[in-house]
Protein backbone atom coordinates (compact mmCIF):
# COMPACT_ATOMS: atom_id res chain seq x y z
CA MET A 1 3.43 -43.66 -38.55
CA ALA A 2 3.90 -42.15 -41.92
CA ILE A 3 1.08 -39.71 -41.48
CA ALA A 4 2.43 -38.68 -38.10
CA SER A 5 5.86 -38.05 -39.64
CA THR A 6 4.42 -35.90 -42.41
CA LEU A 7 2.46 -33.87 -39.93
CA LEU A 8 5.53 -33.27 -37.82
CA THR A 9 7.39 -31.93 -40.89
CA LEU A 10 4.65 -29.44 -41.49
CA LEU A 11 4.78 -28.01 -37.95
CA PRO A 12 7.07 -25.01 -37.41
CA SER A 13 10.31 -25.67 -35.73
CA PRO A 14 11.10 -24.07 -32.28
CA THR A 15 13.36 -21.56 -34.10
CA HIS A 16 10.49 -20.56 -36.37
CA ILE A 17 8.17 -20.08 -33.35
CA ILE A 18 10.62 -17.83 -31.73
CA LEU A 19 11.16 -15.90 -34.97
CA TYR A 20 7.47 -15.49 -35.50
CA GLY A 21 7.10 -14.26 -31.94
CA VAL A 22 9.81 -11.73 -32.26
CA LEU A 23 8.39 -10.49 -35.58
CA THR A 24 4.87 -10.18 -34.13
CA VAL A 25 6.13 -8.18 -31.13
CA GLY A 26 8.22 -5.97 -33.51
CA VAL A 27 5.21 -5.29 -35.67
CA ILE A 28 3.03 -4.39 -32.63
CA LEU A 29 5.73 -2.10 -31.28
CA ALA A 30 6.14 -0.40 -34.68
CA ILE A 31 2.52 0.23 -35.09
CA HIS A 32 2.37 1.55 -31.55
CA VAL A 33 5.31 3.96 -32.24
CA LEU A 34 4.24 4.96 -35.72
CA SER A 35 0.67 5.64 -34.43
CA GLN A 36 2.10 8.24 -32.02
CA LEU A 37 4.43 9.84 -34.53
CA ILE A 38 2.23 10.15 -37.58
CA GLY A 39 -1.21 9.25 -36.33
CA PRO A 40 -4.00 11.82 -35.96
CA LYS A 41 -3.83 13.94 -32.77
CA ASP A 42 -6.91 15.41 -31.22
CA PRO A 43 -6.15 19.12 -30.60
CA LYS A 44 -8.97 19.32 -27.93
CA GLN A 45 -7.16 16.86 -25.68
CA PRO A 46 -3.95 17.48 -23.73
CA PRO A 47 -0.71 16.32 -25.49
CA VAL A 48 0.16 12.59 -24.95
CA VAL A 49 3.54 11.56 -23.60
CA PHE A 50 5.50 9.32 -25.99
CA SER A 51 6.06 5.73 -25.01
CA TRP A 52 7.78 2.68 -26.57
CA ILE A 53 5.66 -0.18 -25.22
CA PRO A 54 1.87 -0.31 -25.53
CA VAL A 55 -0.26 -0.84 -22.29
CA LEU A 56 2.79 -0.60 -20.09
CA GLY A 57 3.37 2.90 -21.44
CA ASN A 58 5.49 5.21 -19.27
CA ALA A 59 5.12 3.03 -16.09
CA VAL A 60 8.81 2.21 -15.83
CA GLN A 61 10.09 5.86 -16.04
CA PHE A 62 7.26 7.09 -13.72
CA GLY A 63 7.95 4.31 -11.22
CA MET A 64 11.74 4.89 -10.98
CA ASP A 65 11.54 8.63 -10.40
CA PRO A 66 7.97 10.13 -10.78
CA ILE A 67 9.10 13.67 -9.82
CA THR A 68 11.82 13.84 -12.44
CA PHE A 69 9.58 12.22 -15.06
CA LEU A 70 6.68 14.78 -14.44
CA GLN A 71 9.07 17.67 -14.38
CA ASP A 72 10.65 16.62 -17.77
CA CYS A 73 7.18 16.13 -19.27
CA GLN A 74 6.23 19.57 -17.94
CA LYS A 75 9.16 21.11 -19.72
CA LYS A 76 8.14 19.47 -22.96
CA TYR A 77 4.39 19.52 -22.86
CA GLY A 78 3.42 22.20 -20.49
CA ASP A 79 1.23 22.01 -17.16
CA MET A 80 -1.30 19.58 -18.64
CA PHE A 81 -0.40 16.38 -20.44
CA THR A 82 -1.45 12.65 -20.51
CA PHE A 83 0.72 9.59 -19.95
CA THR A 84 -0.05 5.88 -19.83
CA MET A 85 0.61 3.61 -16.78
CA VAL A 86 -0.26 -0.10 -17.19
CA GLY A 87 -3.37 0.57 -19.18
CA LYS A 88 -4.51 3.62 -17.24
CA ARG A 89 -4.50 6.99 -18.92
CA VAL A 90 -3.32 9.67 -16.44
CA THR A 91 -3.90 13.38 -17.20
CA VAL A 92 -1.52 15.33 -15.11
CA CYS A 93 -2.53 18.90 -14.12
CA LEU A 94 0.29 20.92 -12.65
CA GLY A 95 0.62 24.41 -11.09
CA ALA A 96 -1.93 26.24 -9.03
CA ASP A 97 -4.51 26.23 -11.90
CA GLY A 98 -4.04 22.40 -12.15
CA ASN A 99 -4.53 21.91 -8.48
CA GLN A 100 -7.79 23.93 -8.73
CA PHE A 101 -9.04 21.87 -11.73
CA VAL A 102 -8.40 18.59 -9.99
CA PHE A 103 -9.59 19.50 -6.50
CA ASN A 104 -12.55 21.65 -7.45
CA ASN A 105 -14.31 19.46 -9.96
CA LYS A 106 -17.86 18.53 -9.21
CA GLN A 107 -18.48 15.08 -7.95
CA ASN A 108 -20.50 14.08 -11.03
CA LEU A 109 -17.59 14.96 -13.20
CA SER A 110 -14.59 13.36 -11.50
CA SER A 111 -14.44 11.12 -8.49
CA ALA A 112 -11.85 10.31 -5.93
CA ALA A 113 -13.81 7.19 -4.99
CA GLU A 114 -13.56 5.83 -8.58
CA ALA A 115 -9.81 6.44 -8.36
CA TYR A 116 -9.14 4.78 -5.04
CA ASN A 117 -11.96 2.57 -3.72
CA HIS A 118 -10.85 -0.51 -5.58
CA MET A 119 -7.76 -0.43 -3.29
CA THR A 120 -8.88 1.23 -0.08
CA LYS A 121 -12.06 -0.93 0.48
CA PHE A 122 -9.88 -3.90 1.16
CA VAL A 123 -8.00 -2.01 3.98
CA PHE A 124 -10.74 0.17 5.51
CA GLY A 125 -13.71 -2.19 4.89
CA PRO A 126 -17.11 -1.82 3.43
CA GLU A 127 -19.41 1.20 3.52
CA VAL A 128 -16.76 3.62 4.83
CA VAL A 129 -14.71 6.27 3.22
CA TYR A 130 -14.80 5.79 -0.57
CA ASP A 131 -16.88 2.67 -0.36
CA ALA A 132 -19.77 4.72 1.06
CA PRO A 133 -22.12 7.03 -0.89
CA HIS A 134 -20.56 10.46 -1.09
CA SER A 135 -23.06 12.08 1.23
CA VAL A 136 -22.43 9.41 3.87
CA PHE A 137 -18.68 9.86 3.49
CA MET A 138 -19.08 13.55 4.13
CA GLU A 139 -21.04 12.74 7.26
CA GLN A 140 -18.20 10.37 8.34
CA LYS A 141 -15.71 13.10 7.85
CA LYS A 142 -17.84 15.40 10.00
CA PHE A 143 -17.96 12.88 12.79
CA ILE A 144 -14.23 12.48 12.72
CA LYS A 145 -13.40 16.12 12.61
CA ALA A 146 -15.78 16.81 15.62
CA GLY A 147 -13.44 14.45 17.54
CA LEU A 148 -10.43 16.56 16.60
CA ASN A 149 -11.25 19.89 18.25
CA SER A 150 -9.18 22.41 20.36
CA ASP A 151 -10.35 20.87 23.65
CA CYS A 152 -9.08 17.45 22.46
CA PHE A 153 -5.82 18.94 21.32
CA ARG A 154 -5.21 20.51 24.72
CA ARG A 155 -5.44 16.96 26.26
CA HIS A 156 -3.28 15.53 23.54
CA VAL A 157 -0.17 17.73 24.04
CA PRO A 158 0.87 16.28 27.39
CA MET A 159 0.00 12.76 26.18
CA ILE A 160 2.31 13.11 23.14
CA VAL A 161 5.07 14.50 25.35
CA LYS A 162 4.86 11.53 27.73
CA GLU A 163 4.80 9.07 24.95
CA THR A 164 7.84 10.79 23.34
CA GLU A 165 9.88 10.86 26.60
CA ASP A 166 8.93 7.25 27.50
CA PHE A 167 9.83 6.01 24.05
CA PHE A 168 13.34 7.31 24.03
CA LYS A 169 14.03 6.39 27.68
CA ASN A 170 15.01 2.94 26.47
CA TYR A 171 17.45 4.08 23.83
CA PRO A 172 21.24 3.60 24.57
CA LYS A 173 22.77 6.44 26.36
CA PRO A 174 24.55 8.91 26.19
CA THR A 175 25.06 8.28 22.36
CA GLY A 176 23.86 6.03 19.73
CA LEU A 177 22.32 5.63 16.22
CA MET A 178 18.79 5.64 15.21
CA GLU A 179 17.17 4.92 11.86
CA ALA A 180 14.89 7.98 11.44
CA TYR A 181 11.90 6.52 9.49
CA SER A 182 11.46 3.34 11.40
CA THR A 183 12.07 5.04 14.73
CA PHE A 184 9.68 7.88 14.30
CA GLY A 185 7.09 5.62 12.55
CA LYS A 186 6.86 3.64 15.76
CA LEU A 187 6.62 6.72 17.78
CA ILE A 188 3.91 8.21 15.57
CA ILE A 189 1.62 5.04 15.89
CA LEU A 190 2.12 5.18 19.70
CA THR A 191 1.12 8.90 20.00
CA ALA A 192 -1.82 8.53 17.53
CA SER A 193 -3.14 5.45 19.38
CA SER A 194 -2.80 7.13 22.72
CA CYS A 195 -4.60 10.25 21.61
CA LEU A 196 -7.21 8.91 19.21
CA MET A 197 -7.72 5.15 19.29
CA GLY A 198 -8.46 4.67 23.00
CA LYS A 199 -6.65 3.16 25.89
CA GLU A 200 -7.55 -0.43 24.87
CA ILE A 201 -5.87 -0.10 21.42
CA ARG A 202 -2.86 1.60 22.92
CA ALA A 203 -2.51 -1.30 25.44
CA SER A 204 -2.53 -3.81 22.61
CA LEU A 205 0.17 -2.01 20.47
CA ASP A 206 3.06 -4.10 21.86
CA ASP A 207 1.71 -7.23 20.19
CA THR A 208 -1.65 -7.57 18.48
CA VAL A 209 -2.31 -4.20 16.85
CA ALA A 210 1.26 -3.60 15.68
CA ASP A 211 1.36 -6.89 13.75
CA LEU A 212 -2.10 -6.38 12.25
CA TYR A 213 -1.19 -2.80 11.20
CA TYR A 214 2.02 -4.18 9.57
CA ASP A 215 -0.06 -6.66 7.49
CA LEU A 216 -2.51 -4.02 6.49
CA ASP A 217 0.37 -1.75 5.46
CA GLN A 218 1.83 -4.42 3.26
CA GLY A 219 -1.43 -4.44 1.38
CA PHE A 220 -1.31 -0.69 0.59
CA LYS A 221 1.58 -0.46 -1.96
CA PRO A 222 1.70 0.78 -5.52
CA ILE A 223 1.11 -2.78 -6.82
CA ASN A 224 -2.17 -2.79 -4.92
CA PHE A 225 -3.33 0.31 -6.85
CA ILE A 226 -2.78 -1.48 -10.16
CA PHE A 227 -3.77 -5.00 -9.07
CA PRO A 228 -6.05 -4.56 -6.05
CA ASN A 229 -6.81 -8.21 -5.30
CA LEU A 230 -4.30 -10.69 -6.58
CA PRO A 231 -4.18 -14.40 -5.07
CA LEU A 232 -0.90 -13.68 -3.16
CA PRO A 233 0.03 -14.18 0.56
CA SER A 234 0.32 -10.50 1.21
CA TYR A 235 -3.21 -9.84 -0.04
CA ARG A 236 -4.63 -12.65 2.16
CA ARG A 237 -2.78 -11.35 5.26
CA ARG A 238 -4.11 -7.88 4.48
CA ASP A 239 -7.72 -9.18 4.35
CA THR A 240 -7.20 -11.29 7.47
CA ALA A 241 -5.76 -8.30 9.40
CA ARG A 242 -8.62 -6.00 8.47
CA GLU A 243 -11.08 -8.60 9.68
CA LYS A 244 -9.24 -8.99 13.02
CA MET A 245 -8.83 -5.26 13.45
CA ALA A 246 -12.59 -4.73 12.96
CA ALA A 247 -13.36 -7.55 15.40
CA LEU A 248 -10.98 -5.90 17.85
CA TYR A 249 -12.84 -2.49 17.63
CA SER A 250 -16.13 -4.20 17.75
CA SER A 251 -15.28 -5.99 20.99
CA ILE A 252 -14.07 -2.74 22.62
CA ILE A 253 -17.30 -1.02 21.52
CA GLN A 254 -19.42 -3.80 23.01
CA ARG A 255 -17.44 -3.90 26.25
CA ARG A 256 -17.87 -0.12 26.73
CA LYS A 257 -21.52 -0.39 26.00
CA ALA A 258 -21.88 -3.30 28.47
CA ASP A 259 -20.05 -1.40 31.14
CA ASN A 260 -22.04 1.77 30.38
CA ASP A 261 -18.70 3.55 30.25
CA ASN A 262 -19.16 7.03 28.81
CA SER A 263 -16.08 8.50 30.57
CA ASN A 264 -13.69 8.09 27.61
CA SER A 265 -12.66 11.27 25.71
CA ASP A 266 -11.10 9.62 22.65
CA LEU A 267 -12.18 9.56 18.96
CA LEU A 268 -13.62 6.07 19.35
CA GLN A 269 -16.02 7.34 21.95
CA ALA A 270 -16.96 10.34 19.82
CA LEU A 271 -17.94 7.97 17.02
CA MET A 272 -19.93 5.75 19.36
CA ASP A 273 -21.91 8.77 20.53
CA ALA A 274 -22.59 10.14 17.02
CA THR A 275 -25.66 9.50 14.86
CA TYR A 276 -26.22 9.84 11.13
CA LYS A 277 -28.56 12.47 9.80
CA ASP A 278 -31.40 9.92 9.51
CA GLY A 279 -31.14 9.14 13.21
CA THR A 280 -29.50 5.86 13.13
CA ASN A 281 -26.49 5.05 15.30
CA ILE A 282 -23.24 4.42 13.49
CA PRO A 283 -22.83 0.60 13.10
CA ASP A 284 -19.86 -0.96 14.78
CA HIS A 285 -18.27 -2.02 11.37
CA HIS A 286 -18.59 1.67 10.26
CA ILE A 287 -16.78 2.85 13.47
CA ALA A 288 -14.06 0.16 12.95
CA GLY A 289 -13.52 1.19 9.29
CA MET A 290 -13.31 4.82 10.20
CA MET A 291 -10.84 4.16 12.97
CA ILE A 292 -8.69 2.05 10.69
CA ALA A 293 -8.83 4.87 8.05
CA VAL A 294 -7.81 7.51 10.66
CA LEU A 295 -4.83 5.36 11.99
CA PHE A 296 -3.78 4.49 8.47
CA GLY A 297 -3.93 7.95 6.98
CA GLY A 298 -2.27 9.67 9.94
CA GLN A 299 0.37 7.02 10.39
CA HIS A 300 1.72 7.17 6.78
CA THR A 301 1.83 10.92 6.41
CA SER A 302 3.07 11.84 9.97
CA ALA A 303 5.71 9.09 10.06
CA THR A 304 7.35 10.15 6.91
CA THR A 305 7.05 13.85 7.72
CA SER A 306 8.59 13.32 11.15
CA ALA A 307 11.51 11.48 9.59
CA TRP A 308 12.16 14.08 7.00
CA THR A 309 11.99 16.82 9.59
CA ILE A 310 14.53 15.14 11.81
CA LEU A 311 16.84 14.51 8.82
CA GLU A 312 16.53 18.15 7.56
CA LEU A 313 17.21 19.47 11.11
CA ALA A 314 20.15 17.00 11.52
CA ALA A 315 21.78 18.65 8.50
CA ARG A 316 21.14 22.12 10.01
CA PRO A 317 22.35 22.45 13.62
CA ASP A 318 21.79 26.21 13.31
CA LEU A 319 18.04 25.67 12.88
CA VAL A 320 18.03 23.32 15.94
CA LYS A 321 19.69 25.99 18.03
CA GLU A 322 17.21 28.63 16.82
CA LEU A 323 14.28 26.28 17.65
CA ARG A 324 15.50 25.81 21.18
CA GLN A 325 15.95 29.61 21.51
CA GLU A 326 12.35 30.11 20.27
CA GLN A 327 11.16 27.88 23.15
CA ILE A 328 13.28 29.81 25.70
CA GLU A 329 11.94 33.11 24.42
CA LYS A 330 8.34 31.98 24.39
CA LEU A 331 8.33 29.74 27.50
CA GLY A 332 11.21 31.17 29.56
CA SER A 333 12.92 27.74 29.79
CA LEU A 334 13.41 24.39 28.03
CA LYS A 335 11.96 22.78 31.26
CA THR A 336 8.52 24.63 30.94
CA ASP A 337 5.70 22.27 30.11
CA LEU A 338 4.58 22.23 26.48
CA THR A 339 0.89 23.17 25.98
CA PHE A 340 -1.42 23.49 23.03
CA GLU A 341 -1.37 27.32 23.48
CA ASN A 342 2.36 27.80 23.60
CA ILE A 343 3.09 25.38 20.70
CA LYS A 344 0.76 27.43 18.59
CA ASP A 345 2.86 30.39 19.46
CA MET A 346 6.09 29.21 17.84
CA PRO A 347 6.33 30.58 14.30
CA LEU A 348 9.75 29.01 13.48
CA LEU A 349 8.56 25.53 14.61
CA ASP A 350 5.50 25.92 12.43
CA ALA A 351 7.66 27.14 9.44
CA VAL A 352 9.94 24.06 9.87
CA ILE A 353 7.00 21.62 9.55
CA ARG A 354 5.57 23.54 6.57
CA GLU A 355 8.82 23.63 4.76
CA THR A 356 9.29 19.87 5.29
CA LEU A 357 5.87 19.30 3.81
CA ARG A 358 6.74 21.53 0.96
CA LEU A 359 9.89 19.82 0.08
CA HIS A 360 8.93 16.30 1.03
CA PRO A 361 5.17 15.97 0.71
CA PRO A 362 4.21 12.51 1.94
CA ILE A 363 1.78 12.02 -0.94
CA TYR A 364 3.32 13.51 -4.08
CA GLN A 365 0.26 12.95 -6.32
CA MET A 366 -3.52 12.82 -5.77
CA MET A 367 -5.91 11.47 -8.30
CA ARG A 368 -9.59 11.59 -9.51
CA ARG A 369 -11.23 9.55 -12.17
CA VAL A 370 -13.35 11.12 -14.86
CA VAL A 371 -16.90 9.69 -14.62
CA ALA A 372 -18.68 12.21 -16.99
CA ASN A 373 -18.34 11.80 -20.70
CA LYS A 374 -15.68 14.43 -20.55
CA VAL A 375 -14.51 17.20 -18.39
CA VAL A 376 -13.34 20.63 -19.76
CA CYS A 377 -10.54 22.75 -18.30
CA GLU A 378 -11.74 26.27 -18.42
CA LYS A 379 -8.16 27.63 -18.30
CA ASN A 380 -6.87 25.90 -21.56
CA GLY A 381 -9.98 24.47 -23.11
CA PHE A 382 -8.69 20.82 -23.03
CA GLU A 383 -11.15 18.10 -22.87
CA ILE A 384 -10.41 14.98 -20.86
CA PRO A 385 -12.44 11.90 -21.72
CA LYS A 386 -14.30 9.55 -19.38
CA GLY A 387 -12.05 6.89 -17.80
CA ASN A 388 -8.89 9.09 -17.55
CA HIS A 389 -7.38 9.77 -14.26
CA LEU A 390 -6.84 13.34 -13.25
CA CYS A 391 -3.67 13.84 -11.29
CA ALA A 392 -2.58 16.73 -9.24
CA ALA A 393 1.07 16.52 -8.13
CA PRO A 394 2.16 18.56 -5.02
CA GLY A 395 5.50 16.91 -5.24
CA VAL A 396 6.11 18.83 -8.51
CA THR A 397 4.14 22.07 -7.99
CA GLN A 398 5.66 22.68 -4.56
CA VAL A 399 9.18 22.78 -5.88
CA ASP A 400 8.24 24.89 -8.95
CA PRO A 401 10.40 28.10 -9.23
CA THR A 402 7.20 29.89 -10.43
CA TYR A 403 6.04 29.89 -6.81
CA PHE A 404 9.10 29.35 -4.62
CA ASN A 405 12.47 31.07 -4.65
CA GLU A 406 15.32 28.52 -4.63
CA PRO A 407 12.74 25.76 -4.42
CA LEU A 408 15.02 22.91 -3.75
CA LYS A 409 16.61 24.63 -0.69
CA TYR A 410 15.25 23.87 2.71
CA ASN A 411 14.45 27.27 4.02
CA PRO A 412 11.74 27.45 6.76
CA TYR A 413 12.15 31.19 6.92
CA ARG A 414 10.39 31.62 3.55
CA TRP A 415 7.12 31.01 5.62
CA ILE A 416 8.01 33.78 7.97
CA GLU A 417 9.46 36.43 5.67
CA LYS A 418 6.85 35.72 2.91
CA THR A 419 8.77 37.05 -0.02
CA ASP A 420 8.27 34.05 -2.35
CA PRO A 421 5.82 34.44 -5.27
CA VAL A 422 3.45 31.96 -3.54
CA HIS A 423 2.69 34.57 -0.87
CA GLN A 424 1.61 37.06 -3.46
CA LEU A 425 -1.31 34.83 -4.74
CA GLU A 426 -4.81 35.72 -3.80
CA GLN A 427 -6.77 33.18 -1.73
CA GLY A 428 -9.66 31.90 -3.70
CA ASP A 429 -13.30 32.03 -2.53
CA ASP A 430 -13.57 28.15 -2.28
CA ALA A 431 -11.56 28.25 0.92
CA ASN A 432 -14.94 28.96 2.72
CA ILE A 433 -16.91 26.18 1.07
CA ASP A 434 -18.41 23.66 3.44
CA TYR A 435 -18.86 20.17 1.92
CA GLY A 436 -20.52 18.93 5.05
CA PHE A 437 -17.68 18.80 7.48
CA GLY A 438 -16.85 22.39 8.01
CA ALA A 439 -15.10 25.07 5.77
CA VAL A 440 -12.11 23.51 3.95
CA GLY A 441 -9.94 26.47 5.10
CA ILE A 442 -7.67 26.76 2.08
CA SER A 443 -8.31 27.47 -1.61
CA SER A 444 -7.57 24.80 -4.17
CA ASN A 445 -5.97 27.53 -6.24
CA SER A 446 -2.81 27.21 -4.32
CA PRO A 447 0.62 25.69 -5.16
CA PHE A 448 1.00 24.46 -1.55
CA LEU A 449 -1.53 21.64 -0.89
CA PRO A 450 0.31 18.91 1.00
CA PHE A 451 -3.08 17.81 2.49
CA GLY A 452 -5.06 18.26 -0.63
CA ALA A 453 -8.03 20.61 -1.05
CA GLY A 454 -11.68 20.65 -1.83
CA ARG A 455 -14.28 18.06 -0.61
CA HIS A 456 -11.52 15.53 -0.02
CA ARG A 457 -9.07 17.74 1.95
CA CYS A 458 -7.48 15.89 4.89
CA ILE A 459 -9.48 16.53 8.12
CA GLY A 460 -6.50 15.31 10.29
CA GLU A 461 -4.27 18.22 9.22
CA GLN A 462 -4.49 20.14 12.46
CA PHE A 463 -3.87 17.01 14.59
CA GLY A 464 -0.92 16.14 12.33
CA TYR A 465 0.68 19.57 12.78
CA LEU A 466 0.11 19.45 16.58
CA GLN A 467 1.61 15.81 16.79
CA LEU A 468 4.62 16.69 14.71
CA LYS A 469 5.32 19.94 16.48
CA THR A 470 5.04 18.45 20.00
CA ILE A 471 7.29 15.48 19.04
CA MET A 472 9.86 17.78 17.45
CA SER A 473 9.85 20.17 20.41
CA THR A 474 10.31 17.36 22.90
CA PHE A 475 13.06 15.61 20.87
CA ILE A 476 15.15 18.66 20.54
CA ARG A 477 15.11 19.19 24.23
CA MET A 478 16.31 15.73 24.80
CA PHE A 479 19.04 15.18 22.18
CA ASP A 480 21.75 16.78 20.05
CA PHE A 481 21.81 14.99 16.73
CA GLU A 482 23.34 14.95 13.25
CA ILE A 483 23.08 12.74 10.12
CA GLU A 484 25.44 9.70 10.60
CA GLY A 485 28.97 10.52 9.32
CA GLY A 486 28.07 13.93 8.05
CA LYS A 487 26.34 12.62 4.99
CA PRO A 488 23.73 14.75 3.04
CA VAL A 489 19.97 14.30 3.56
CA PRO A 490 18.96 11.02 2.01
CA LYS A 491 17.25 10.87 -1.35
CA SER A 492 13.51 9.95 -1.69
CA ASP A 493 12.22 6.42 -2.00
CA TYR A 494 9.12 6.23 -4.33
CA THR A 495 8.57 2.52 -4.05
CA SER A 496 5.75 2.89 -1.44
CA MET A 497 2.47 4.91 -1.46
CA VAL A 498 4.19 7.61 0.49
CA VAL A 499 7.53 9.16 -0.19
CA VAL A 500 9.99 7.98 2.54
CA PRO A 501 13.77 8.55 2.91
CA GLU A 502 16.02 6.03 1.27
CA HIS A 503 17.06 3.32 3.76
CA PRO A 504 19.07 3.53 5.96
CA SER A 505 18.37 7.16 7.11
CA ASN A 506 20.50 7.08 10.26
CA ILE A 507 21.15 9.92 12.67
CA SER A 508 23.66 9.86 15.51
CA TYR A 509 22.34 11.36 18.76
CA THR A 510 23.85 12.47 22.08
CA LEU A 511 21.65 12.88 25.22
CA ARG A 512 21.56 16.42 26.34
CA GLU A 513 22.30 17.27 30.09
């Protein structure tokens, strides 16, 4: 007993343990801060944003308001700088030159797959998108793009109109409230499923598919980018939902094959009929993964863009009136059927969607991971080391006064009058490059890239524009609307992978006669 008592007196008290812990943390923080203030700096690398806490770095400031954080850093450090986010070093590249550097890098220098596959493979499945070899991924994009052509779009317009009209028939009349993001999110998934997924998936949306999609979506949050596979219920539900979605698509494919049913004109059938370059048919699990990726990518971006468009229009009744007048001038009447051709011939409608995408890009940043020993930016000579993430930020560059007059003002006419500095920039030659799925169509040396650029440019852009234009054209025929209580357009919520309006984003509506 005496020996035990002696040992206890030698052990530190709880107070001492706490004190030692505080001192240790203090020393670590002091070393971290001093190393940034007086430590050597490599002039060949971009300036590094100061942070108080090691490893965590600037994650809190970035997570709370990424656009303001990046804009403040731009003012202090210029268009290229590096910050730390939970152990990841992110080199931000702003402006048109920054976009070109990020989007135009060769595949052996920086990789989108290395930046995203650790998260997306759990949602889309194996051997598709970023989990496939790059050449195979480019083939997969080509298959999908082939199913999104003008003939398909002509069929899609009346389908989207019908889905929109049917969807709002059940809303209280003649007046009521609707929450913009949740309402249009539901409508977007209905229209996308009707046009692209096939009649079987559309028929399942009221129960099975909607629930599975929700569980998948809950596994596609910022936390999943940092921690892709934690032992948490939301992660397990994500994995189960992906397996069930893949099984559902596989059963539909097998049923169509058994029935020898080649009459379908949807994207699913286009993928079933396609073959890889080596002559092999696309495996069922590849088709399922691609279909999930198409639904997921389109749903996120179109849902938030449709909500922002309605909210901006709700604050601008003059624009709504002008959009209706444009339809009357082009079609003769608001009762004339909408078609692919006449929707293409509405410049103000097109400008409204573009302006929404400029001011509210669904994806405010796009990343690549450096896989070479280093990459060198020719414009400024900076070297970015292996392991860093390169980040282009449309959410910052698209509101830069260098390129846009009164950049925070919602002004669709800037796309018609074309007096902003952005319209004086020359189109780069890389707009005509074909990475295996057709010419990309826009230069990466542009400050307006809501759909990205280069080899990973979104192939669903044309369908997205058509879907949004058709829904907006139909909605303004059906309703008068304004933001509830005359409030301003809601602020942005950056807590998800896409930038949505802060909840609730209510509009009040009145049925038009």
